[in-house]
C-alpha atoms as a PDB file:
ATOM      1  CA  MET A   1      -0.210   0.255  -0.048  1.00  0.00           C
ATOM      2  CA  GLN A   2       1.088   3.465  -0.957  1.00  0.00           C
ATOM      3  CA  SER A   3       0.157   5.576   1.927  1.00  0.00           C
ATOM      4  CA  PHE A   4       0.579   9.206   0.363  1.00  0.00           C
ATOM      5  CA  GLU A   5      -1.366   7.915  -2.740  1.00  0.00           C
ATOM      6  CA  VAL A   6      -4.271   6.985  -0.104  1.00  0.00           C
ATOM      7  CA  LEU A   7      -4.252  10.206   1.336  1.00  0.00           C
ATOM      8  CA  VAL A   8      -4.554  12.082  -1.932  1.00  0.00           C
ATOM      9  CA  GLU A   9      -7.031   9.353  -3.108  1.00  0.00           C
ATOM     10  CA  ARG A  10      -9.099  10.164   0.202  1.00  0.00           C
ATOM     11  CA  VAL A  11      -8.822  13.751  -0.391  1.00  0.00           C
ATOM     12  CA  LEU A  12     -10.060  13.943  -3.962  1.00  0.00           C
ATOM     13  CA  GLN A  13     -13.105  11.560  -2.974  1.00  0.00           C
ATOM     14  CA  GLU A  14     -13.936  14.101  -0.274  1.00  0.00           C
ATOM     15  CA  GLN A  15     -14.096  16.842  -2.897  1.00  0.00           C
ATOM     16  CA  GLY A  16     -16.427  14.455  -5.114  1.00  0.00           C
ATOM     17  CA  ASN A  17     -14.235  12.557  -7.362  1.00  0.00           C
ATOM     18  CA  TRP A  18     -14.560   9.133  -8.505  1.00  0.00           C
ATOM     19  CA  THR A  19     -10.689   7.346  -8.319  1.00  0.00           C
ATOM     20  CA  LEU A  20      -8.843   4.714  -9.546  1.00  0.00           C
ATOM     21  CA  ARG A  21      -5.347   4.167  -7.796  1.00  0.00           C
ATOM     22  CA  CYS A  22      -2.276   2.442  -9.244  1.00  0.00           C
ATOM     23  CA  VAL A  23      -3.582   2.239 -12.851  1.00  0.00           C
ATOM     24  CA  TYR A  24      -1.261   0.340 -15.375  1.00  0.00           C
ATOM     25  CA  LEU A  25      -1.223   1.290 -19.078  1.00  0.00           C
ATOM     26  CA  LYS A  26       0.630  -0.716 -22.021  1.00  0.00           C
ATOM     27  CA  VAL A  27       1.848   2.800 -23.391  1.00  0.00           C
ATOM     28  CA  GLU A  28       4.924   0.973 -25.211  1.00  0.00           C
ATOM     29  CA  LYS A  29       5.307  -2.285 -26.596  1.00  0.00           C
ATOM     30  CA  GLN A  30       6.055  -4.838 -23.703  1.00  0.00           C
ATOM     31  CA  THR A  31       6.454  -2.223 -21.378  1.00  0.00           C
ATOM     32  CA  ARG A  32       3.524  -1.353 -18.589  1.00  0.00           C
ATOM     33  CA  HIS A  33       3.733   2.114 -16.888  1.00  0.00           C
ATOM     34  CA  GLN A  34       2.027   2.830 -13.548  1.00  0.00           C
ATOM     35  CA  ILE A  35      -0.020   5.662 -12.980  1.00  0.00           C
ATOM     36  CA  ASP A  36      -0.345   6.752  -9.510  1.00  0.00           C
ATOM     37  CA  LEU A  37      -3.955   7.970  -9.521  1.00  0.00           C
ATOM     38  CA  VAL A  38      -6.856   8.803 -11.739  1.00  0.00           C
ATOM     39  CA  SER A  39      -9.578  10.718 -10.825  1.00  0.00           C
ATOM     40  CA  LEU A  40     -13.158  11.658 -12.550  1.00  0.00           C
ATOM     41  CA  LYS A  41     -15.569  14.471 -11.877  1.00  0.00           C
ATOM     42  CA  GLU A  42     -17.721  16.408 -13.794  1.00  0.00           C
ATOM     43  CA  GLY A  43     -16.614  14.854 -17.212  1.00  0.00           C
ATOM     44  CA  ILE A  44     -13.119  15.729 -16.321  1.00  0.00           C
ATOM     45  CA  VAL A  45     -10.529  12.774 -16.086  1.00  0.00           C
ATOM     46  CA  THR A  46      -7.360  13.978 -13.994  1.00  0.00           C
ATOM     47  CA  VAL A  47      -4.265  11.776 -14.162  1.00  0.00           C
ATOM     48  CA  TRP A  48      -1.867  12.336 -10.845  1.00  0.00           C
ATOM     49  CA  GLU A  49       1.529  12.338 -10.324  1.00  0.00           C
ATOM     50  CA  CYS A  50       1.791  11.612  -6.311  1.00  0.00           C
ATOM     51  CA  ARG A  51       4.953  12.681  -4.656  1.00  0.00           C
ATOM     52  CA  SER A  52       5.188  13.054  -1.152  1.00  0.00           C
ATOM     53  CA  TYR A  53       9.020  14.217  -0.800  1.00  0.00           C
ATOM     54  CA  LEU A  54       8.763  14.338   2.846  1.00  0.00           C
ATOM     55  CA  ASP A  55      11.870  12.914   3.660  1.00  0.00           C
ATOM     56  CA  SER A  56      13.897  15.063   1.015  1.00  0.00           C
ATOM     57  CA  THR A  57      14.305  18.880   0.510  1.00  0.00           C
ATOM     58  CA  GLY A  58      11.151  19.108  -1.531  1.00  0.00           C
ATOM     59  CA  PHE A  59      10.259  20.824  -4.585  1.00  0.00           C
ATOM     60  CA  LYS A  60      11.641  23.882  -6.063  1.00  0.00           C
ATOM     61  CA  ILE A  61      10.534  26.141  -8.533  1.00  0.00           C
ATOM     62  CA  ASP A  62      13.317  25.300 -10.725  1.00  0.00           C
ATOM     63  CA  ASP A  63      11.852  21.523 -10.830  1.00  0.00           C
ATOM     64  CA  PHE A  64       9.099  23.279 -13.178  1.00  0.00           C
ATOM     65  CA  GLU A  65      10.536  26.295 -14.762  1.00  0.00           C
ATOM     66  CA  ARG A  66      14.378  25.177 -15.602  1.00  0.00           C
ATOM     67  CA  PRO A  67      14.069  21.430 -14.719  1.00  0.00           C
ATOM     68  CA  SER A  68      17.223  19.064 -15.042  1.00  0.00           C
ATOM     69  CA  ALA A  69      17.251  16.143 -17.091  1.00  0.00           C
ATOM     70  CA  THR A  70      16.716  13.953 -14.003  1.00  0.00           C
ATOM     71  CA  VAL A  71      13.636  16.015 -12.861  1.00  0.00           C
ATOM     72  CA  LYS A  72      12.305  15.725 -16.549  1.00  0.00           C
ATOM     73  CA  LYS A  73      12.670  12.009 -16.444  1.00  0.00           C
ATOM     74  CA  GLN A  74      10.993  11.600 -13.131  1.00  0.00           C
ATOM     75  CA  LEU A  75       8.216  13.992 -13.775  1.00  0.00           C
ATOM     76  CA  ARG A  76       7.622  13.117 -17.236  1.00  0.00           C
ATOM     77  CA  LEU A  77       4.021  13.143 -16.466  1.00  0.00           C
ATOM     78  CA  ILE A  78       4.337  16.777 -16.200  1.00  0.00           C
ATOM     79  CA  HIS A  79       6.945  17.908 -18.790  1.00  0.00           C
ATOM     80  CA  ASN A  80       7.027  15.291 -21.421  1.00  0.00           C
ATOM     81  CA  LYS A  81       4.234  16.417 -24.357  1.00  0.00           C
ATOM     82  CA  ALA A  82       4.670  13.304 -26.053  1.00  0.00           C
ATOM     83  CA  TYR A  83       4.282  10.873 -23.156  1.00  0.00           C
ATOM     84  CA  GLN A  84       1.155  12.896 -22.128  1.00  0.00           C
ATOM     85  CA  ASN A  85      -0.466  12.114 -25.300  1.00  0.00           C
ATOM     86  CA  LYS A  86       0.140   8.238 -25.266  1.00  0.00           C
ATOM     87  CA  ILE A  87      -1.355   8.196 -21.832  1.00  0.00           C
ATOM     88  CA  LYS A  88      -4.044  10.392 -23.266  1.00  0.00           C
ATOM     89  CA  ARG A  89      -4.794   7.622 -25.972  1.00  0.00           C
ATOM     90  CA  THR A  90      -4.387   4.516 -23.807  1.00  0.00           C
ATOM     91  CA  LEU A  91      -6.186   5.830 -21.015  1.00  0.00           C
ATOM     92  CA  THR A  92      -9.311   6.664 -23.130  1.00  0.00           C
ATOM     93  CA  GLU A  93      -9.210   3.052 -24.594  1.00  0.00           C
ATOM     94  CA  LEU A  94      -9.150   1.804 -21.050  1.00  0.00           C
ATOM     95  CA  LEU A  95     -11.749   3.940 -19.563  1.00  0.00           C
ATOM     96  CA  VAL A  96     -14.273   3.734 -22.618  1.00  0.00           C
ATOM     97  CA  THR A  97     -13.777  -0.247 -22.784  1.00  0.00           C
ATOM     98  CA  LYS A  98     -14.264  -0.547 -18.878  1.00  0.00           C
ATOM     99  CA  GLY A  99     -17.616   1.473 -19.147  1.00  0.00           C
ATOM    100  CA  PHE A 100     -16.159   4.448 -16.808  1.00  0.00           C
ATOM    101  CA  VAL A 101     -17.116   7.070 -19.584  1.00  0.00           C
ATOM    102  CA  SER A 102     -19.172   6.721 -22.514  1.00  0.00           C
ATOM    103  CA  SER A 103     -17.294   9.007 -24.840  1.00  0.00           C
ATOM    104  CA  GLN A 104     -14.142  10.803 -25.579  1.00  0.00           C
ATOM    105  CA  PRO A 105     -13.229  12.315 -22.075  1.00  0.00           C
ATOM    106  CA  THR A 106     -11.368  15.616 -21.249  1.00  0.00           C
ATOM    107  CA  ILE A 107      -8.156  14.498 -19.833  1.00  0.00           C
ATOM    108  CA  GLN A 108      -5.965  16.664 -17.799  1.00  0.00           C
ATOM    109  CA  PHE A 109      -2.857  16.247 -15.756  1.00  0.00           C
ATOM    110  CA  GLY A 110      -2.104  17.076 -12.053  1.00  0.00           C
ATOM    111  CA  LEU A 111       0.660  16.850  -9.225  1.00  0.00           C
ATOM    112  CA  ALA A 112      -0.026  15.877  -5.568  1.00  0.00           C
ATOM    113  CA  TYR A 113       3.032  16.695  -3.417  1.00  0.00           C
ATOM    114  CA  GLY A 114       3.621  17.046   0.397  1.00  0.00           C
ATOM    115  CA  ARG A 115       6.782  19.409   0.623  1.00  0.00           C
ATOM    116  CA  VAL A 116       8.219  22.225  -0.981  1.00  0.00           C
ATOM    117  CA  SER A 117      11.975  23.412  -0.154  1.00  0.00           C
ATOM    118  CA  ALA A 118      10.980  26.846   1.220  1.00  0.00           C
ATOM    119  CA  PRO A 119       7.768  28.307   1.708  1.00  0.00           C
ATOM    120  CA  SER A 120       8.384  31.411  -0.748  1.00  0.00           C
ATOM    121  CA  HIS A 121       8.620  28.625  -3.799  1.00  0.00           C
ATOM    122  CA  ARG A 122       4.749  27.513  -3.239  1.00  0.00           C
ATOM    123  CA  GLY A 123       3.258  30.551  -4.851  1.00  0.00           C
ATOM    124  CA  ARG A 124       5.365  30.355  -7.916  1.00  0.00           C
ATOM    125  CA  ILE A 125       4.674  26.690  -8.230  1.00  0.00           C
ATOM    126  CA  THR A 126       1.141  27.247  -7.857  1.00  0.00           C
ATOM    127  CA  ALA A 127       1.190  30.129 -10.630  1.00  0.00           C
ATOM    128  CA  TRP A 128       3.504  27.677 -12.949  1.00  0.00           C
ATOM    129  CA  PHE A 129       0.712  24.802 -12.766  1.00  0.00           C
ATOM    130  CA  GLU A 130      -2.276  27.601 -13.042  1.00  0.00           C
ATOM    131  CA  ARG A 131      -0.154  28.713 -16.500  1.00  0.00           C
ATOM    132  CA  LYS A 132       0.114  25.207 -17.829  1.00  0.00           C
ATOM    133  CA  ARG A 133      -3.746  24.656 -17.062  1.00  0.00           C
ATOM    134  CA  PHE A 134      -2.529  21.445 -14.734  1.00  0.00           C
ATOM    135  CA  ALA A 135      -4.265  20.376 -11.513  1.00  0.00           C
ATOM    136  CA  LEU A 136      -2.095  20.915  -8.187  1.00  0.00           C
ATOM    137  CA  LEU A 137      -2.893  19.625  -4.969  1.00  0.00           C
ATOM    138  CA  GLY A 138      -0.125  20.927  -2.467  1.00  0.00           C
ATOM    139  CA  ASP A 139       1.086  20.318   0.875  1.00  0.00           C
ATOM    140  CA  VAL A 140      -1.354  22.807   2.487  1.00  0.00           C
ATOM    141  CA  ASP A 141      -4.376  21.665   0.436  1.00  0.00           C
ATOM    142  CA  LEU A 142      -3.495  18.149   2.236  1.00  0.00           C
ATOM    143  CA  ARG A 143      -2.960  19.601   5.682  1.00  0.00           C
ATOM    144  CA  ARG A 144      -6.455  21.115   5.468  1.00  0.00           C
ATOM    145  CA  SER A 145      -8.152  18.048   4.583  1.00  0.00           C
ATOM    146  CA  LEU A 146      -6.495  16.538   7.517  1.00  0.00           C
ATOM    147  CA  ILE A 147      -8.005  18.959   9.763  1.00  0.00           C
ATOM    148  CA  GLU A 148     -11.222  18.254   8.220  1.00  0.00           C
ATOM    149  CA  LEU A 149     -10.729  14.621   8.809  1.00  0.00           C
ATOM    150  CA  SER A 150      -9.656  15.081  12.245  1.00  0.00           C
ATOM    151  CA  GLY A 151     -13.175  16.780  13.047  1.00  0.00           C
ATOM    152  CA  GLY A 152     -15.112  14.087  11.274  1.00  0.00           C
ATOM    153  CA  SER A 153     -17.678  11.286  12.701  1.00  0.00           C
ATOM    154  CA  TYR A 154     -16.651   7.318  12.935  1.00  0.00           C
ATOM    155  CA  ASP A 155     -14.390   6.718  10.306  1.00  0.00           C
ATOM    156  CA  ASP A 156     -12.054   3.440  10.663  1.00  0.00           C
ATOM    157  CA  ARG A 157      -9.952   4.023   7.634  1.00  0.00           C
ATOM    158  CA  SER A 158      -6.268   4.667   8.560  1.00  0.00           C
ATOM    159  CA  GLU A 159      -6.200   8.072   7.423  1.00  0.00           C
ATOM    160  CA  ALA A 160      -9.043   9.420   9.255  1.00  0.00           C
ATOM    161  CA  ILE A 161      -7.553   7.632  12.366  1.00  0.00           C
ATOM    162  CA  ALA A 162      -4.084   9.058  12.353  1.00  0.00           C
ATOM    163  CA  ALA A 163      -5.845  12.547  11.376  1.00  0.00           C
ATOM    164  CA  LYS A 164      -7.654  12.047  14.637  1.00  0.00           C
ATOM    165  CA  LEU A 165      -5.136  10.989  16.824  1.00  0.00           C
ATOM    166  CA  LEU A 166      -2.643  13.778  16.102  1.00  0.00           C
ATOM    167  CA  LEU A 167      -5.062  16.518  15.977  1.00  0.00           C
ATOM    168  CA  ARG A 168      -8.331  15.946  17.676  1.00  0.00           C
ATOM    169  CA  SER A 169      -6.583  15.496  21.419  1.00  0.00           C
ATOM    170  CA  SER A 170      -4.626  18.711  20.872  1.00  0.00           C
ATOM    171  CA  ARG A 171      -5.999  21.588  23.110  1.00  0.00           C
ATOM    172  CA  ILE A 172      -4.565  24.947  24.729  1.00  0.00           C
ATOM    173  CA  ALA A 173      -3.630  24.806  28.096  1.00  0.00           C
ATOM    174  CA  ARG A 174      -5.647  26.483  30.726  1.00  0.00           C
ATOM    175  CA  GLY A 175      -3.972  29.895  31.922  1.00  0.00           C
ATOM    176  CA  LYS A 176      -3.429  33.425  30.828  1.00  0.00           C
ATOM    177  CA  ASN A 177       0.073  32.874  29.705  1.00  0.00           C
ATOM    178  CA  SER A 178      -1.098  29.794  27.266  1.00  0.00           C
ATOM    179  CA  VAL A 179      -1.110  31.955  24.466  1.00  0.00           C
ATOM    180  CA  LYS A 180       1.940  34.680  24.038  1.00  0.00           C
ATOM    181  CA  VAL A 181       3.057  37.204  21.266  1.00  0.00           C
ATOM    182  CA  GLU A 182       6.796  37.988  22.077  1.00  0.00           C
ATOM    183  CA  THR A 183       9.864  38.559  19.781  1.00  0.00           C
ATOM    184  CA  GLY A 184       7.947  37.983  16.735  1.00  0.00           C
ATOM    185  CA  LYS A 185       6.651  34.706  17.785  1.00  0.00           C
ATOM    186  CA  LEU A 186       3.105  33.351  18.414  1.00  0.00           C
ATOM    187  CA  THR A 187       3.619  30.677  21.236  1.00  0.00           C
ATOM    188  CA  VAL A 188       0.932  28.396  22.371  1.00  0.00           C
ATOM    189  CA  LYS A 189       1.084  25.927  25.183  1.00  0.00           C
ATOM    190  CA  LEU A 190      -0.877  22.888  24.781  1.00  0.00           C
ATOM    191  CA  ASP A 191      -2.282  20.759  27.648  1.00  0.00           C
ATOM    192  CA  ASP A 192      -0.161  18.072  27.097  1.00  0.00           C
ATOM    193  CA  GLY A 193       2.989  19.912  28.146  1.00  0.00           C
ATOM    194  CA  ARG A 194       4.087  20.626  24.125  1.00  0.00           C
ATOM    195  CA  PHE A 195       4.484  24.090  22.681  1.00  0.00           C
ATOM    196  CA  VAL A 196       3.914  25.348  19.178  1.00  0.00           C
ATOM    197  CA  SER A 197       5.760  28.463  18.085  1.00  0.00           C
ATOM    198  CA  VAL A 198       5.315  29.979  14.641  1.00  0.00           C
ATOM    199  CA  PRO A 199       6.269  33.597  13.232  1.00  0.00           C
ATOM    200  CA  VAL A 200       3.568  36.128  14.314  1.00  0.00           C
ATOM    201  CA  ALA A 201       4.281  37.552  10.487  1.00  0.00           C
ATOM    202  CA  GLU A 202       2.056  34.640   9.102  1.00  0.00           C
ATOM    203  CA  PHE A 203      -0.966  36.435  10.677  1.00  0.00           C
ATOM    204  CA  PRO A 204      -1.572  39.838   9.372  1.00  0.00           C
ATOM    205  CA  LYS A 205      -4.000  40.566  12.175  1.00  0.00           C
ATOM    206  CA  LEU A 206      -1.666  39.634  14.818  1.00  0.00           C
ATOM    207  CA  ASN A 207       1.401  41.443  13.487  1.00  0.00           C
ATOM    208  CA  GLY A 208       1.800  44.697  14.546  1.00  0.00           C
ATOM    209  CA  ALA A 209      -1.319  44.644  16.923  1.00  0.00           C
ATOM    210  CA  SER A 210      -1.060  46.407  20.235  1.00  0.00           C
ATOM    211  CA  PRO A 211       0.246  44.248  23.214  1.00  0.00           C
ATOM    212  CA  LYS A 212      -3.108  44.893  25.232  1.00  0.00           C
ATOM    213  CA  ASP A 213      -5.246  43.676  22.111  1.00  0.00           C
ATOM    214  CA  LEU A 214      -2.641  40.450  21.672  1.00  0.00           C
ATOM    215  CA  LYS A 215      -3.236  39.621  25.278  1.00  0.00           C
ATOM    216  CA  ARG A 216      -7.185  39.684  25.216  1.00  0.00           C
ATOM    217  CA  TRP A 217      -7.891  36.131  23.821  1.00  0.00           C
ATOM    218  CA  ARG A 218      -9.907  33.279  24.753  1.00  0.00           C
ATOM    219  CA  ARG A 219     -10.298  29.603  24.080  1.00  0.00           C
ATOM    220  CA  THR A 220     -12.933  28.170  21.732  1.00  0.00           C
ATOM    221  CA  ALA A 221     -14.142  24.940  19.984  1.00  0.00           C
ATOM    222  CA  GLY A 222     -13.149  23.210  23.456  1.00  0.00           C
ATOM    223  CA  GLY A 223      -9.580  24.415  23.612  1.00  0.00           C
ATOM    224  CA  ARG A 224      -8.948  23.595  19.939  1.00  0.00           C
ATOM    225  CA  GLY A 225      -9.388  27.448  18.749  1.00  0.00           C
ATOM    226  CA  ILE A 226      -8.026  30.810  19.884  1.00  0.00           C
ATOM    227  CA  HIS A 227     -10.147  33.830  19.264  1.00  0.00           C
ATOM    228  CA  TRP A 228      -9.020  37.608  19.678  1.00  0.00           C
ATOM    229  CA  PRO A 229     -12.227  39.661  19.714  1.00  0.00           C
ATOM    230  CA  ASN A 230     -10.751  43.054  19.274  1.00  0.00           C
ATOM    231  CA  LEU A 231      -8.654  41.655  16.105  1.00  0.00           C
ATOM    232  CA  ASP A 232     -11.205  39.466  14.848  1.00  0.00           C
ATOM    233  CA  GLU A 233      -8.892  36.789  14.582  1.00  0.00           C
ATOM    234  CA  ASP A 234      -9.470  32.949  14.670  1.00  0.00           C
ATOM    235  CA  LEU A 235      -6.930  30.311  14.701  1.00  0.00           C
ATOM    236  CA  SER A 236      -7.147  26.415  15.365  1.00  0.00           C
ATOM    237  CA  VAL A 237      -4.547  24.433  17.133  1.00  0.00           C
ATOM    238  CA  PRO A 238      -4.739  21.772  14.112  1.00  0.00           C
ATOM    239  CA  GLY A 239      -3.937  24.536  11.797  1.00  0.00           C
ATOM    240  CA  LEU A 240      -0.784  25.638  13.748  1.00  0.00           C
ATOM    241  CA  LEU A 241       0.198  21.949  14.381  1.00  0.00           C
ATOM    242  CA  LEU A 242      -0.018  21.665  10.443  1.00  0.00           C
ATOM    243  CA  GLY A 243       1.530  24.933   9.554  1.00  0.00           C
ATOM    244  CA  THR A 244      -1.740  26.320   7.922  1.00  0.00           C
ATOM    245  CA  ARG A 245      -3.713  29.838   8.846  1.00  0.00           C
ATOM    246  CA  SER A 246      -6.838  28.333   9.749  1.00  0.00           C
END
């Protein structure tokens, strides 16, 4: 089982997609090629390349704007037009033969990733995919989906259980000093003794606010959220843990 692909598949299903994982296509003679994931929604078929890169430095903008020969080979689903055309032809034959679609479908390509080399690259990567009209499911998208899974009802699938174990039990410790903004950082103490510290510059409403307004906060959502009434700002513990702003 490829766990990252399983997570991406679950996220796509929650968005209303029908999915197929680990699809083998005979693109070339005597050679079968594995497609990580195929999704279908509203008549559009998306062929996904799934790369977690969680144990590497992550994607750089140069992997798309100025890819090396190695990257082009690794991401040929994204960079190789001839290969894309072969995939479109063979996948169309498969989908029509199996009855998944009734006619010539619209096929696009996409990338799901779990890490970027630096936050400044994320927006540029997104812009590149928009220009190419490719689908993109990034690390922030996946983190937000995990937060949603952690708040759901009974679900015994592994990705939902992991999200609930990691995020549902995390609450802000009681006490007026459990949330502080000092020396450019927002620091939150959790009830299990852990501390979460993030740059306050990530939150425009907090950045530059007066010390008086910053000290006036309260726990919400049973301790899983923070609200600053004078600043109209709300943050969640799962969001802080996963590096999102919600």
